[in-house]
Amino acid sequence: MIKSLSITIVSLVLLLTSCGQQHEAEALVEDFMDKNMKDEVSINARRFTDIDSTFLLTNDVIQKMRNKAADGGQRYKKGIKYADGNPTRKLFITRVKYYVDTLECSDTYYLNADLTHIVAFKEN
C-alpha cells in the first residue's frame, strides 16, 4: 500500500514538473518569435511538439545554426541576439508549427537546460 502510494506521488510530481517545463519552453519560444520575426510576417495557430532533451549538438553545430540565422531567413530579422556564454551540454528541443497566411511553416528550437533562453533555432 505504501509502496504504491509512493509511486503514485512520484509519478504525479514528475507529471506536474514536465507540464511546467513545457509551458516555460512554449512561452520562451513565443516571446523569441514575437521579437525576432520580420514585421510583415503575421503568424497564427502555433502548435508545439512536446519538449525533449538532447546532448548531441556541439558548439560548432550551434554556431553554424546561429550564423545561418544571422542573415535572416524567410521569416526572421537579421542580427538575432542570443544570451552570452557557452550553451549547456544538455539542451531542450521543441518544434513549432504555425501558419503564415495559408502557408504551413515549422521551426526547430534549442533551449538551454534551465529554459531561460534560446540557444539556436532553424527554419525547416
Protein backbone atom coordinates (compact mmCIF):
# COMPACT_ATOMS: atom_id res chain seq x y z
CA MET A 1 0.00 0.00 0.00
CA ILE A 2 2.69 2.50 0.99
CA LYS A 3 4.84 1.46 -1.97
CA SER A 4 2.03 2.08 -4.47
CA LEU A 5 1.20 5.41 -2.81
CA SER A 6 4.84 6.46 -3.09
CA ILE A 7 4.93 5.52 -6.76
CA THR A 8 1.75 7.48 -7.38
CA ILE A 9 3.11 10.58 -5.65
CA VAL A 10 6.42 10.43 -7.53
CA SER A 11 4.58 9.99 -10.83
CA LEU A 12 2.34 12.95 -10.09
CA VAL A 13 5.32 15.16 -9.21
CA LEU A 14 7.10 14.18 -12.44
CA LEU A 15 3.97 14.86 -14.47
CA LEU A 16 3.48 18.31 -12.96
CA THR A 17 7.16 19.17 -13.43
CA SER A 18 7.13 18.21 -17.10
CA CYS A 19 3.94 20.20 -17.73
CA GLY A 20 5.57 23.26 -16.16
CA GLN A 21 8.68 22.85 -18.31
CA GLN A 22 6.55 22.51 -21.44
CA HIS A 23 4.75 25.74 -20.62
CA GLU A 24 8.04 27.56 -19.91
CA ALA A 25 9.53 26.36 -23.20
CA GLU A 26 6.48 27.41 -25.21
CA ALA A 27 6.40 30.85 -23.60
CA LEU A 28 10.11 31.34 -24.28
CA VAL A 29 9.77 30.34 -27.94
CA GLU A 30 6.67 32.51 -28.45
CA ASP A 31 8.49 35.51 -26.99
CA PHE A 32 11.53 34.84 -29.21
CA MET A 33 9.33 34.56 -32.30
CA ASP A 34 7.43 37.75 -31.47
CA LYS A 35 10.68 39.71 -31.03
CA ASN A 36 12.63 38.29 -33.96
CA MET A 37 10.21 37.67 -36.82
CA LYS A 38 10.01 40.19 -39.61
CA ASP A 39 7.36 42.84 -39.07
CA GLU A 40 5.38 41.83 -42.15
CA VAL A 41 5.11 38.19 -41.01
CA SER A 42 1.80 37.56 -39.32
CA ILE A 43 1.60 34.12 -37.74
CA ASN A 44 -1.28 32.24 -36.24
CA ALA A 45 -2.26 28.83 -34.88
CA ARG A 46 1.03 27.86 -33.21
CA ARG A 47 1.32 24.19 -32.24
CA PHE A 48 4.27 22.82 -30.27
CA THR A 49 5.72 19.35 -30.02
CA ASP A 50 6.50 18.07 -26.55
CA ILE A 51 9.91 19.17 -25.37
CA ASP A 52 12.67 16.61 -25.37
CA SER A 53 16.30 16.74 -24.33
CA THR A 54 19.41 16.27 -26.43
CA PHE A 55 23.13 16.08 -25.79
CA LEU A 56 24.04 15.74 -29.47
CA LEU A 57 24.60 19.36 -30.52
CA THR A 58 28.18 20.54 -30.43
CA ASN A 59 29.21 24.18 -30.12
CA ASP A 60 30.24 24.07 -33.80
CA VAL A 61 26.77 22.96 -34.92
CA ILE A 62 25.14 25.60 -32.72
CA GLN A 63 27.42 28.28 -34.17
CA LYS A 64 26.55 27.19 -37.72
CA MET A 65 22.83 27.47 -36.98
CA ARG A 66 23.37 30.90 -35.42
CA ASN A 67 25.41 32.07 -38.42
CA LYS A 68 22.75 30.92 -40.84
CA ALA A 69 20.05 32.68 -38.81
CA ALA A 70 22.15 35.88 -38.55
CA ASP A 71 21.49 36.64 -42.21
CA GLY A 72 17.79 36.46 -41.55
CA GLY A 73 15.73 33.75 -43.05
CA GLN A 74 12.49 33.71 -44.87
CA ARG A 75 10.59 34.86 -41.82
CA TYR A 76 13.17 36.21 -39.34
CA LYS A 77 15.01 39.52 -38.97
CA LYS A 78 18.76 39.83 -39.43
CA GLY A 79 21.13 40.05 -36.47
CA ILE A 80 19.33 37.90 -33.92
CA LYS A 81 20.94 38.12 -30.48
CA TYR A 82 21.45 35.17 -28.15
CA ALA A 83 22.43 35.07 -24.49
CA ASP A 84 26.15 35.40 -23.72
CA GLY A 85 28.23 32.40 -22.77
CA ASN A 86 28.51 28.86 -23.99
CA PRO A 87 25.36 26.75 -24.15
CA THR A 88 24.85 23.99 -21.62
CA ARG A 89 25.68 20.46 -22.76
CA LYS A 90 22.10 19.34 -22.23
CA LEU A 91 19.61 21.21 -24.38
CA PHE A 92 15.88 21.03 -24.72
CA ILE A 93 14.39 20.81 -28.18
CA THR A 94 10.92 21.61 -29.45
CA ARG A 95 9.36 22.16 -32.82
CA VAL A 96 6.66 24.71 -33.52
CA LYS A 97 4.26 24.58 -36.45
CA TYR A 98 2.34 27.67 -37.45
CA TYR A 99 0.70 29.36 -40.38
CA VAL A 100 1.74 32.48 -42.27
CA ASP A 101 -1.43 33.26 -44.17
CA THR A 102 -2.24 29.81 -45.59
CA LEU A 103 1.35 28.51 -45.72
CA GLU A 104 2.21 25.97 -43.02
CA CYS A 105 5.68 26.59 -41.57
CA SER A 106 7.76 24.95 -38.86
CA ASP A 107 10.90 25.80 -36.94
CA THR A 108 13.03 23.80 -34.51
CA TYR A 109 14.22 25.50 -31.33
CA TYR A 110 17.03 24.54 -28.98
CA LEU A 111 16.78 25.89 -25.42
CA ASN A 112 19.25 25.82 -22.55
CA ALA A 113 18.74 23.32 -19.73
CA ASP A 114 17.29 25.99 -17.40
CA LEU A 115 14.74 27.06 -20.01
CA THR A 116 15.83 30.68 -19.73
CA HIS A 117 16.96 31.38 -23.30
CA ILE A 118 17.03 30.14 -26.87
CA VAL A 119 20.42 28.69 -27.81
CA ALA A 120 19.76 28.30 -31.54
CA PHE A 121 16.97 27.62 -34.00
CA LYS A 122 16.44 26.63 -37.59
CA GLU A 123 13.70 27.25 -40.07
CA ASN A 124 12.50 23.95 -41.52
